[in-house]
């Protein structure tokens, strides 16, 4: 049995479906798209301006020797900042060892185990701590660590004190990013794990945390990037040194230690050309370290996801 269809109305006007390039709605959309693109470009321009300027100023002083030699005295060519690179890695590593476990565990407690009132107060305190100027963290670490070490006869300025100061700055970033990452894990995933007989600990450890690892690693990278570029806390805690940091004997580890940020600060304000050029080279290396770390982390976490 054949079925007949009504003939299409040949008088239908399809001109109304065409894009009107000069209609008020289309013009407004085009203008706002252009404004959004322009503002996005303006937000990126400062980043490229800093990268280009630091690269132009510091690339001429980069050589293999700057990574393995000590800072030079005034008006002496050559030298490097190998001790500052090692000191920066050491203190940022100490800060990460302190802040990452505490930050992740605090976020797990906030998201999975705390009551509403406690979590609100802890999140509020974390937001306040993230806005504290870095010099305040340096003063705190100086009073809590440096003066205590001095009273106990363990020395004064040290990479341990510098790492503790940096951990204070890293902690709120890690807590906030990890807290948000855990909240983004769907509740259905938790309920499915509980439905299969998993305990609360097994659900958090085996289901929630693995799902949030990419975002947690990204937050940790942001915290490390901020800590690596801080100067004020290290002026109060690690100070500076013209020598290589030593790990043995133990009391040698409790000595002033160089860092890239403090080296840039010290050498940028002196009137000696050779040290100023070395400060530009150290600035470039510091920017590249942060940039390369961020790129590697993004790549690894994207593959993990």
C-alpha atoms as a PDB file:
ATOM      1  CA  UNK A   1       0.000   0.000   0.000  1.00  0.00           C
ATOM      2  CA  UNK A   2       1.573   3.237  -1.066  1.00  0.00           C
ATOM      3  CA  UNK A   3       1.507   6.266   1.136  1.00  0.00           C
ATOM      4  CA  UNK A   4       1.052   9.687  -0.365  1.00  0.00           C
ATOM      5  CA  UNK A   5       2.720  12.783   1.092  1.00  0.00           C
ATOM      6  CA  UNK A   6       1.467  16.288   0.698  1.00  0.00           C
ATOM      7  CA  UNK A   7       3.433  18.315  -1.735  1.00  0.00           C
ATOM      8  CA  UNK A   8       5.848  20.825  -0.243  1.00  0.00           C
ATOM      9  CA  UNK A   9       4.745  24.406  -0.310  1.00  0.00           C
ATOM     10  CA  UNK A  10       6.736  25.866  -3.165  1.00  0.00           C
ATOM     11  CA  UNK A  11       5.887  29.355  -1.993  1.00  0.00           C
ATOM     12  CA  UNK A  12       7.987  29.025   1.240  1.00  0.00           C
ATOM     13  CA  UNK A  13      10.331  31.985   1.596  1.00  0.00           C
ATOM     14  CA  UNK A  14      13.778  30.752   2.735  1.00  0.00           C
ATOM     15  CA  UNK A  15      15.391  34.162   2.736  1.00  0.00           C
ATOM     16  CA  UNK A  16      14.666  34.495   6.424  1.00  0.00           C
ATOM     17  CA  UNK A  17      17.057  31.622   7.184  1.00  0.00           C
ATOM     18  CA  UNK A  18      20.023  33.349   5.602  1.00  0.00           C
ATOM     19  CA  UNK A  19      22.578  35.110   7.777  1.00  0.00           C
ATOM     20  CA  UNK A  20      22.014  38.844   7.791  1.00  0.00           C
ATOM     21  CA  UNK A  21      25.478  40.311   8.152  1.00  0.00           C
ATOM     22  CA  UNK A  22      24.231  43.794   8.920  1.00  0.00           C
ATOM     23  CA  UNK A  23      21.402  43.007  11.276  1.00  0.00           C
ATOM     24  CA  UNK A  24      21.681  44.545  14.767  1.00  0.00           C
ATOM     25  CA  UNK A  25      22.027  41.122  16.435  1.00  0.00           C
ATOM     26  CA  UNK A  26      24.815  39.976  14.096  1.00  0.00           C
ATOM     27  CA  UNK A  27      26.674  43.271  14.382  1.00  0.00           C
ATOM     28  CA  UNK A  28      26.497  43.143  18.184  1.00  0.00           C
ATOM     29  CA  UNK A  29      27.769  39.541  18.177  1.00  0.00           C
ATOM     30  CA  UNK A  30      30.693  40.434  15.907  1.00  0.00           C
ATOM     31  CA  UNK A  31      31.633  43.467  17.987  1.00  0.00           C
ATOM     32  CA  UNK A  32      31.569  41.545  21.281  1.00  0.00           C
ATOM     33  CA  UNK A  33      33.596  38.689  19.732  1.00  0.00           C
ATOM     34  CA  UNK A  34      36.221  41.189  18.623  1.00  0.00           C
ATOM     35  CA  UNK A  35      36.279  42.829  22.063  1.00  0.00           C
ATOM     36  CA  UNK A  36      36.712  39.430  23.776  1.00  0.00           C
ATOM     37  CA  UNK A  37      39.543  38.520  21.409  1.00  0.00           C
ATOM     38  CA  UNK A  38      41.248  41.869  21.998  1.00  0.00           C
ATOM     39  CA  UNK A  39      41.018  41.557  25.801  1.00  0.00           C
ATOM     40  CA  UNK A  40      42.377  38.005  25.636  1.00  0.00           C
ATOM     41  CA  UNK A  41      45.319  39.251  23.569  1.00  0.00           C
ATOM     42  CA  UNK A  42      45.927  42.061  26.060  1.00  0.00           C
ATOM     43  CA  UNK A  43      46.046  39.506  28.877  1.00  0.00           C
ATOM     44  CA  UNK A  44      48.721  37.497  27.036  1.00  0.00           C
ATOM     45  CA  UNK A  45      50.831  40.483  25.948  1.00  0.00           C
ATOM     46  CA  UNK A  46      52.453  41.070  29.392  1.00  0.00           C
ATOM     47  CA  UNK A  47      53.577  37.435  29.543  1.00  0.00           C
ATOM     48  CA  UNK A  48      55.233  37.590  26.136  1.00  0.00           C
ATOM     49  CA  UNK A  49      56.679  41.022  26.915  1.00  0.00           C
ATOM     50  CA  UNK A  50      58.364  39.694  30.064  1.00  0.00           C
ATOM     51  CA  UNK A  51      59.622  36.567  28.301  1.00  0.00           C
ATOM     52  CA  UNK A  52      61.024  38.519  25.357  1.00  0.00           C
ATOM     53  CA  UNK A  53      62.686  41.192  27.493  1.00  0.00           C
ATOM     54  CA  UNK A  54      64.267  38.719  29.916  1.00  0.00           C
ATOM     55  CA  UNK A  55      65.417  36.549  27.015  1.00  0.00           C
ATOM     56  CA  UNK A  56      67.007  39.469  25.150  1.00  0.00           C
ATOM     57  CA  UNK A  57      68.788  40.693  28.278  1.00  0.00           C
ATOM     58  CA  UNK A  58      69.937  37.326  29.595  1.00  0.00           C
ATOM     59  CA  UNK A  59      70.621  35.127  26.569  1.00  0.00           C
ATOM     60  CA  UNK A  60      74.026  36.694  25.901  1.00  0.00           C
ATOM     61  CA  UNK A  61      75.288  35.654  29.341  1.00  0.00           C
ATOM     62  CA  UNK A  62      74.102  32.042  29.141  1.00  0.00           C
ATOM     63  CA  UNK A  63      76.902  29.504  28.757  1.00  0.00           C
ATOM     64  CA  UNK A  64      77.656  26.050  30.155  1.00  0.00           C
ATOM     65  CA  UNK A  65      79.913  27.592  32.790  1.00  0.00           C
ATOM     66  CA  UNK A  66      77.097  29.478  34.533  1.00  0.00           C
ATOM     67  CA  UNK A  67      75.588  26.166  35.642  1.00  0.00           C
ATOM     68  CA  UNK A  68      78.730  24.791  37.268  1.00  0.00           C
ATOM     69  CA  UNK A  69      80.612  27.827  38.615  1.00  0.00           C
ATOM     70  CA  UNK A  70      80.173  30.051  41.645  1.00  0.00           C
ATOM     71  CA  UNK A  71      79.117  33.724  41.553  1.00  0.00           C
ATOM     72  CA  UNK A  72      82.044  35.992  40.629  1.00  0.00           C
ATOM     73  CA  UNK A  73      83.315  38.968  42.617  1.00  0.00           C
ATOM     74  CA  UNK A  74      82.709  42.473  41.241  1.00  0.00           C
ATOM     75  CA  UNK A  75      84.380  43.415  37.933  1.00  0.00           C
ATOM     76  CA  UNK A  76      85.571  39.849  37.264  1.00  0.00           C
ATOM     77  CA  UNK A  77      84.359  38.207  34.094  1.00  0.00           C
ATOM     78  CA  UNK A  78      82.993  34.666  34.086  1.00  0.00           C
ATOM     79  CA  UNK A  79      81.422  32.844  36.986  1.00  0.00           C
ATOM     80  CA  UNK A  80      77.958  31.430  37.326  1.00  0.00           C
ATOM     81  CA  UNK A  81      75.195  30.506  39.736  1.00  0.00           C
ATOM     82  CA  UNK A  82      75.341  26.738  40.046  1.00  0.00           C
ATOM     83  CA  UNK A  83      75.100  26.997  43.839  1.00  0.00           C
ATOM     84  CA  UNK A  84      71.968  29.132  43.538  1.00  0.00           C
ATOM     85  CA  UNK A  85      70.280  26.581  41.262  1.00  0.00           C
ATOM     86  CA  UNK A  86      71.081  23.778  43.689  1.00  0.00           C
ATOM     87  CA  UNK A  87      69.948  25.858  46.649  1.00  0.00           C
ATOM     88  CA  UNK A  88      66.655  26.749  44.954  1.00  0.00           C
ATOM     89  CA  UNK A  89      65.922  23.109  44.152  1.00  0.00           C
ATOM     90  CA  UNK A  90      66.780  22.109  47.719  1.00  0.00           C
ATOM     91  CA  UNK A  91      64.558  24.672  49.422  1.00  0.00           C
ATOM     92  CA  UNK A  92      61.633  24.232  47.041  1.00  0.00           C
ATOM     93  CA  UNK A  93      61.933  20.474  47.561  1.00  0.00           C
ATOM     94  CA  UNK A  94      61.830  20.911  51.338  1.00  0.00           C
ATOM     95  CA  UNK A  95      58.798  23.161  51.007  1.00  0.00           C
ATOM     96  CA  UNK A  96      57.036  20.624  48.779  1.00  0.00           C
ATOM     97  CA  UNK A  97      57.796  17.748  51.155  1.00  0.00           C
ATOM     98  CA  UNK A  98      56.127  19.710  53.939  1.00  0.00           C
ATOM     99  CA  UNK A  99      53.209  21.332  52.140  1.00  0.00           C
ATOM    100  CA  UNK A 100      52.047  18.625  49.708  1.00  0.00           C
ATOM    101  CA  UNK A 101      51.198  15.901  52.285  1.00  0.00           C
ATOM    102  CA  UNK A 102      49.577  18.375  54.673  1.00  0.00           C
ATOM    103  CA  UNK A 103      47.719  20.156  51.875  1.00  0.00           C
ATOM    104  CA  UNK A 104      46.344  16.988  50.269  1.00  0.00           C
ATOM    105  CA  UNK A 105      45.322  15.448  53.600  1.00  0.00           C
ATOM    106  CA  UNK A 106      43.640  18.689  54.686  1.00  0.00           C
ATOM    107  CA  UNK A 107      41.706  18.806  51.421  1.00  0.00           C
ATOM    108  CA  UNK A 108      40.618  15.183  51.790  1.00  0.00           C
ATOM    109  CA  UNK A 109      39.343  15.959  55.272  1.00  0.00           C
ATOM    110  CA  UNK A 110      37.495  19.060  54.052  1.00  0.00           C
ATOM    111  CA  UNK A 111      35.829  17.307  51.128  1.00  0.00           C
ATOM    112  CA  UNK A 112      35.156  13.839  52.485  1.00  0.00           C
ATOM    113  CA  UNK A 113      34.982  13.904  56.287  1.00  0.00           C
ATOM    114  CA  UNK A 114      34.373  17.376  57.717  1.00  0.00           C
ATOM    115  CA  UNK A 115      31.098  18.956  58.703  1.00  0.00           C
ATOM    116  CA  UNK A 116      29.807  22.006  56.906  1.00  0.00           C
ATOM    117  CA  UNK A 117      30.736  24.519  59.609  1.00  0.00           C
ATOM    118  CA  UNK A 118      34.307  23.296  60.066  1.00  0.00           C
ATOM    119  CA  UNK A 119      34.972  23.141  56.332  1.00  0.00           C
ATOM    120  CA  UNK A 120      33.696  26.698  55.856  1.00  0.00           C
ATOM    121  CA  UNK A 121      36.035  28.037  58.526  1.00  0.00           C
ATOM    122  CA  UNK A 122      39.029  26.107  57.194  1.00  0.00           C
ATOM    123  CA  UNK A 123      38.384  27.264  53.637  1.00  0.00           C
ATOM    124  CA  UNK A 124      38.017  30.836  54.886  1.00  0.00           C
ATOM    125  CA  UNK A 125      41.333  30.598  56.750  1.00  0.00           C
ATOM    126  CA  UNK A 126      42.989  29.131  53.650  1.00  0.00           C
ATOM    127  CA  UNK A 127      41.760  32.019  51.516  1.00  0.00           C
ATOM    128  CA  UNK A 128      43.132  34.490  54.053  1.00  0.00           C
ATOM    129  CA  UNK A 129      46.494  32.694  54.153  1.00  0.00           C
ATOM    130  CA  UNK A 130      46.752  32.722  50.356  1.00  0.00           C
ATOM    131  CA  UNK A 131      46.510  36.520  50.419  1.00  0.00           C
ATOM    132  CA  UNK A 132      49.187  37.039  53.064  1.00  0.00           C
ATOM    133  CA  UNK A 133      52.228  38.872  51.624  1.00  0.00           C
ATOM    134  CA  UNK A 134      55.268  36.664  51.206  1.00  0.00           C
ATOM    135  CA  UNK A 135      57.374  38.870  53.453  1.00  0.00           C
ATOM    136  CA  UNK A 136      55.028  38.050  56.338  1.00  0.00           C
ATOM    137  CA  UNK A 137      55.727  34.353  55.783  1.00  0.00           C
ATOM    138  CA  UNK A 138      59.440  35.179  55.898  1.00  0.00           C
ATOM    139  CA  UNK A 139      59.085  37.073  59.171  1.00  0.00           C
ATOM    140  CA  UNK A 140      57.078  34.193  60.642  1.00  0.00           C
ATOM    141  CA  UNK A 141      59.687  31.616  59.610  1.00  0.00           C
ATOM    142  CA  UNK A 142      62.441  33.867  60.949  1.00  0.00           C
ATOM    143  CA  UNK A 143      60.761  34.101  64.362  1.00  0.00           C
ATOM    144  CA  UNK A 144      59.680  30.456  64.511  1.00  0.00           C
ATOM    145  CA  UNK A 145      62.698  28.718  62.974  1.00  0.00           C
ATOM    146  CA  UNK A 146      65.762  30.946  62.670  1.00  0.00           C
ATOM    147  CA  UNK A 147      65.559  32.346  66.189  1.00  0.00           C
ATOM    148  CA  UNK A 148      64.776  28.884  67.573  1.00  0.00           C
ATOM    149  CA  UNK A 149      67.777  27.336  65.805  1.00  0.00           C
ATOM    150  CA  UNK A 150      69.954  30.169  67.094  1.00  0.00           C
ATOM    151  CA  UNK A 151      68.758  29.633  70.677  1.00  0.00           C
ATOM    152  CA  UNK A 152      69.472  25.891  70.409  1.00  0.00           C
ATOM    153  CA  UNK A 153      72.917  26.472  68.935  1.00  0.00           C
ATOM    154  CA  UNK A 154      72.050  24.874  65.599  1.00  0.00           C
ATOM    155  CA  UNK A 155      73.093  27.844  63.508  1.00  0.00           C
ATOM    156  CA  UNK A 156      70.716  30.493  62.223  1.00  0.00           C
ATOM    157  CA  UNK A 157      69.980  30.908  58.509  1.00  0.00           C
ATOM    158  CA  UNK A 158      69.582  27.625  56.679  1.00  0.00           C
ATOM    159  CA  UNK A 159      67.788  25.917  53.774  1.00  0.00           C
ATOM    160  CA  UNK A 160      65.508  24.231  56.318  1.00  0.00           C
ATOM    161  CA  UNK A 161      64.220  27.616  57.451  1.00  0.00           C
ATOM    162  CA  UNK A 162      63.877  28.687  53.818  1.00  0.00           C
ATOM    163  CA  UNK A 163      61.944  25.528  52.950  1.00  0.00           C
ATOM    164  CA  UNK A 164      59.568  26.050  55.878  1.00  0.00           C
ATOM    165  CA  UNK A 165      58.931  29.641  54.781  1.00  0.00           C
ATOM    166  CA  UNK A 166      58.187  28.483  51.235  1.00  0.00           C
ATOM    167  CA  UNK A 167      55.883  25.740  52.516  1.00  0.00           C
ATOM    168  CA  UNK A 168      53.743  28.400  54.211  1.00  0.00           C
ATOM    169  CA  UNK A 169      53.253  30.029  50.807  1.00  0.00           C
ATOM    170  CA  UNK A 170      52.662  26.742  48.993  1.00  0.00           C
ATOM    171  CA  UNK A 171      50.181  25.266  51.471  1.00  0.00           C
ATOM    172  CA  UNK A 172      47.073  27.399  50.707  1.00  0.00           C
ATOM    173  CA  UNK A 173      47.509  26.928  46.940  1.00  0.00           C
ATOM    174  CA  UNK A 174      47.693  23.153  47.310  1.00  0.00           C
ATOM    175  CA  UNK A 175      44.739  23.048  49.716  1.00  0.00           C
ATOM    176  CA  UNK A 176      42.506  25.139  47.452  1.00  0.00           C
ATOM    177  CA  UNK A 177      43.336  23.374  44.193  1.00  0.00           C
ATOM    178  CA  UNK A 178      43.094  19.899  45.743  1.00  0.00           C
ATOM    179  CA  UNK A 179      39.822  20.779  47.460  1.00  0.00           C
ATOM    180  CA  UNK A 180      38.310  21.947  44.176  1.00  0.00           C
ATOM    181  CA  UNK A 181      39.663  18.895  42.346  1.00  0.00           C
ATOM    182  CA  UNK A 182      38.086  16.508  44.848  1.00  0.00           C
ATOM    183  CA  UNK A 183      34.754  18.327  44.701  1.00  0.00           C
ATOM    184  CA  UNK A 184      34.696  17.911  40.906  1.00  0.00           C
ATOM    185  CA  UNK A 185      34.716  14.109  41.219  1.00  0.00           C
ATOM    186  CA  UNK A 186      31.066  13.059  40.672  1.00  0.00           C
ATOM    187  CA  UNK A 187      29.174  11.756  43.695  1.00  0.00           C
ATOM    188  CA  UNK A 188      27.923   8.886  41.566  1.00  0.00           C
ATOM    189  CA  UNK A 189      31.477   7.521  41.515  1.00  0.00           C
ATOM    190  CA  UNK A 190      31.586   7.508  45.305  1.00  0.00           C
ATOM    191  CA  UNK A 191      28.166   5.907  45.573  1.00  0.00           C
ATOM    192  CA  UNK A 192      29.148   3.224  43.072  1.00  0.00           C
ATOM    193  CA  UNK A 193      32.237   2.365  45.109  1.00  0.00           C
ATOM    194  CA  UNK A 194      30.211   2.195  48.315  1.00  0.00           C
ATOM    195  CA  UNK A 195      27.609   0.070  46.551  1.00  0.00           C
ATOM    196  CA  UNK A 196      30.335  -2.437  45.664  1.00  0.00           C
ATOM    197  CA  UNK A 197      31.227  -2.760  49.337  1.00  0.00           C
ATOM    198  CA  UNK A 198      34.171  -0.344  49.574  1.00  0.00           C
ATOM    199  CA  UNK A 199      34.803   1.457  52.840  1.00  0.00           C
ATOM    200  CA  UNK A 200      35.118   5.227  53.079  1.00  0.00           C
ATOM    201  CA  UNK A 201      38.912   4.997  53.119  1.00  0.00           C
ATOM    202  CA  UNK A 202      38.984   2.625  50.145  1.00  0.00           C
ATOM    203  CA  UNK A 203      36.658   4.904  48.198  1.00  0.00           C
ATOM    204  CA  UNK A 204      38.803   7.972  48.808  1.00  0.00           C
ATOM    205  CA  UNK A 205      42.140   6.219  48.277  1.00  0.00           C
ATOM    206  CA  UNK A 206      41.228   4.010  45.329  1.00  0.00           C
ATOM    207  CA  UNK A 207      38.566   5.994  43.477  1.00  0.00           C
ATOM    208  CA  UNK A 208      38.413   9.694  44.360  1.00  0.00           C
ATOM    209  CA  UNK A 209      42.128  10.495  44.592  1.00  0.00           C
ATOM    210  CA  UNK A 210      43.139   8.825  41.291  1.00  0.00           C
ATOM    211  CA  UNK A 211      40.388  10.734  39.513  1.00  0.00           C
ATOM    212  CA  UNK A 212      41.653  14.036  40.927  1.00  0.00           C
ATOM    213  CA  UNK A 213      45.403  13.418  40.441  1.00  0.00           C
ATOM    214  CA  UNK A 214      45.802  15.563  37.267  1.00  0.00           C
ATOM    215  CA  UNK A 215      44.288  18.624  38.945  1.00  0.00           C
ATOM    216  CA  UNK A 216      46.259  17.999  42.153  1.00  0.00           C
ATOM    217  CA  UNK A 217      49.528  17.817  40.220  1.00  0.00           C
ATOM    218  CA  UNK A 218      48.658  21.014  38.376  1.00  0.00           C
ATOM    219  CA  UNK A 219      47.983  22.807  41.664  1.00  0.00           C
ATOM    220  CA  UNK A 220      51.230  21.526  43.114  1.00  0.00           C
ATOM    221  CA  UNK A 221      53.089  22.824  40.063  1.00  0.00           C
ATOM    222  CA  UNK A 222      51.541  26.261  40.544  1.00  0.00           C
ATOM    223  CA  UNK A 223      52.637  26.235  44.169  1.00  0.00           C
ATOM    224  CA  UNK A 224      56.186  25.199  43.222  1.00  0.00           C
ATOM    225  CA  UNK A 225      56.316  27.918  40.568  1.00  0.00           C
ATOM    226  CA  UNK A 226      55.344  30.571  43.088  1.00  0.00           C
ATOM    227  CA  UNK A 227      57.789  29.309  45.696  1.00  0.00           C
ATOM    228  CA  UNK A 228      60.696  29.173  43.237  1.00  0.00           C
ATOM    229  CA  UNK A 229      60.346  32.859  42.439  1.00  0.00           C
ATOM    230  CA  UNK A 230      59.975  34.187  45.991  1.00  0.00           C
ATOM    231  CA  UNK A 231      62.709  36.421  47.385  1.00  0.00           C
ATOM    232  CA  UNK A 232      61.473  38.064  50.579  1.00  0.00           C
ATOM    233  CA  UNK A 233      60.987  34.868  52.646  1.00  0.00           C
ATOM    234  CA  UNK A 234      64.481  33.639  51.758  1.00  0.00           C
ATOM    235  CA  UNK A 235      66.088  36.937  52.775  1.00  0.00           C
ATOM    236  CA  UNK A 236      64.819  36.285  56.303  1.00  0.00           C
ATOM    237  CA  UNK A 237      65.550  32.566  56.441  1.00  0.00           C
ATOM    238  CA  UNK A 238      68.209  31.284  54.028  1.00  0.00           C
ATOM    239  CA  UNK A 239      69.997  34.563  53.324  1.00  0.00           C
ATOM    240  CA  UNK A 240      72.681  33.997  50.662  1.00  0.00           C
ATOM    241  CA  UNK A 241      76.031  32.313  50.195  1.00  0.00           C
ATOM    242  CA  UNK A 242      78.873  32.472  47.691  1.00  0.00           C
ATOM    243  CA  UNK A 243      79.670  28.793  48.224  1.00  0.00           C
ATOM    244  CA  UNK A 244      78.176  25.427  47.296  1.00  0.00           C
ATOM    245  CA  UNK A 245      75.530  24.083  49.688  1.00  0.00           C
ATOM    246  CA  UNK A 246      76.732  21.060  51.636  1.00  0.00           C
ATOM    247  CA  UNK A 247      74.651  18.132  52.822  1.00  0.00           C
ATOM    248  CA  UNK A 248      77.271  16.530  55.044  1.00  0.00           C
ATOM    249  CA  UNK A 249      78.157  16.746  57.897  1.00  0.00           C
ATOM    250  CA  UNK A 250      74.678  17.559  59.223  1.00  0.00           C
ATOM    251  CA  UNK A 251      75.712  20.870  60.758  1.00  0.00           C
ATOM    252  CA  UNK A 252      76.935  22.032  57.326  1.00  0.00           C
ATOM    253  CA  UNK A 253      73.334  21.831  56.123  1.00  0.00           C
ATOM    254  CA  UNK A 254      72.376  24.458  58.704  1.00  0.00           C
ATOM    255  CA  UNK A 255      74.251  27.263  56.947  1.00  0.00           C
ATOM    256  CA  UNK A 256      73.155  30.167  54.717  1.00  0.00           C
ATOM    257  CA  UNK A 257      72.273  28.953  51.231  1.00  0.00           C
ATOM    258  CA  UNK A 258      72.104  30.693  47.869  1.00  0.00           C
ATOM    259  CA  UNK A 259      68.985  30.809  45.698  1.00  0.00           C
ATOM    260  CA  UNK A 260      68.248  32.163  42.242  1.00  0.00           C
ATOM    261  CA  UNK A 261      65.696  34.723  43.410  1.00  0.00           C
ATOM    262  CA  UNK A 262      68.017  36.212  46.047  1.00  0.00           C
ATOM    263  CA  UNK A 263      70.939  36.173  43.603  1.00  0.00           C
ATOM    264  CA  UNK A 264      68.867  38.176  41.122  1.00  0.00           C
ATOM    265  CA  UNK A 265      67.928  40.625  43.868  1.00  0.00           C
ATOM    266  CA  UNK A 266      71.509  41.029  45.120  1.00  0.00           C
ATOM    267  CA  UNK A 267      73.145  41.370  41.723  1.00  0.00           C
ATOM    268  CA  UNK A 268      70.468  43.561  40.127  1.00  0.00           C
ATOM    269  CA  UNK A 269      71.021  46.437  42.576  1.00  0.00           C
ATOM    270  CA  UNK A 270      74.826  46.559  42.399  1.00  0.00           C
ATOM    271  CA  UNK A 271      76.651  48.936  40.009  1.00  0.00           C
ATOM    272  CA  UNK A 272      78.890  46.225  38.554  1.00  0.00           C
ATOM    273  CA  UNK A 273      78.127  45.258  34.975  1.00  0.00           C
ATOM    274  CA  UNK A 274      79.268  41.631  35.208  1.00  0.00           C
ATOM    275  CA  UNK A 275      76.993  40.887  38.157  1.00  0.00           C
ATOM    276  CA  UNK A 276      74.067  42.685  36.521  1.00  0.00           C
ATOM    277  CA  UNK A 277      74.442  40.500  33.426  1.00  0.00           C
ATOM    278  CA  UNK A 278      74.577  37.427  35.640  1.00  0.00           C
ATOM    279  CA  UNK A 279      71.343  38.579  37.315  1.00  0.00           C
ATOM    280  CA  UNK A 280      69.629  38.725  33.900  1.00  0.00           C
ATOM    281  CA  UNK A 281      70.926  35.263  33.047  1.00  0.00           C
ATOM    282  CA  UNK A 282      69.652  33.907  36.382  1.00  0.00           C
ATOM    283  CA  UNK A 283      66.266  35.535  35.725  1.00  0.00           C
ATOM    284  CA  UNK A 284      66.056  33.792  32.380  1.00  0.00           C
ATOM    285  CA  UNK A 285      66.980  30.431  33.898  1.00  0.00           C
ATOM    286  CA  UNK A 286      64.404  30.883  36.664  1.00  0.00           C
ATOM    287  CA  UNK A 287      61.657  31.706  34.158  1.00  0.00           C
ATOM    288  CA  UNK A 288      62.637  28.746  31.976  1.00  0.00           C
ATOM    289  CA  UNK A 289      62.628  26.366  34.962  1.00  0.00           C
ATOM    290  CA  UNK A 290      59.086  27.390  35.864  1.00  0.00           C
ATOM    291  CA  UNK A 291      57.952  27.265  32.229  1.00  0.00           C
ATOM    292  CA  UNK A 292      59.469  23.856  31.506  1.00  0.00           C
ATOM    293  CA  UNK A 293      58.083  22.414  34.741  1.00  0.00           C
ATOM    294  CA  UNK A 294      54.593  23.646  33.877  1.00  0.00           C
ATOM    295  CA  UNK A 295      54.767  22.258  30.327  1.00  0.00           C
ATOM    296  CA  UNK A 296      55.980  18.840  31.483  1.00  0.00           C
ATOM    297  CA  UNK A 297      53.301  18.689  34.167  1.00  0.00           C
ATOM    298  CA  UNK A 298      50.556  19.622  31.716  1.00  0.00           C
ATOM    299  CA  UNK A 299      51.752  16.975  29.286  1.00  0.00           C
ATOM    300  CA  UNK A 300      51.967  14.233  31.915  1.00  0.00           C
ATOM    301  CA  UNK A 301      48.612  15.037  33.492  1.00  0.00           C
ATOM    302  CA  UNK A 302      46.888  15.210  30.096  1.00  0.00           C
ATOM    303  CA  UNK A 303      48.135  11.722  29.262  1.00  0.00           C
ATOM    304  CA  UNK A 304      47.081  10.558  32.718  1.00  0.00           C
ATOM    305  CA  UNK A 305      43.608  11.975  32.168  1.00  0.00           C
END
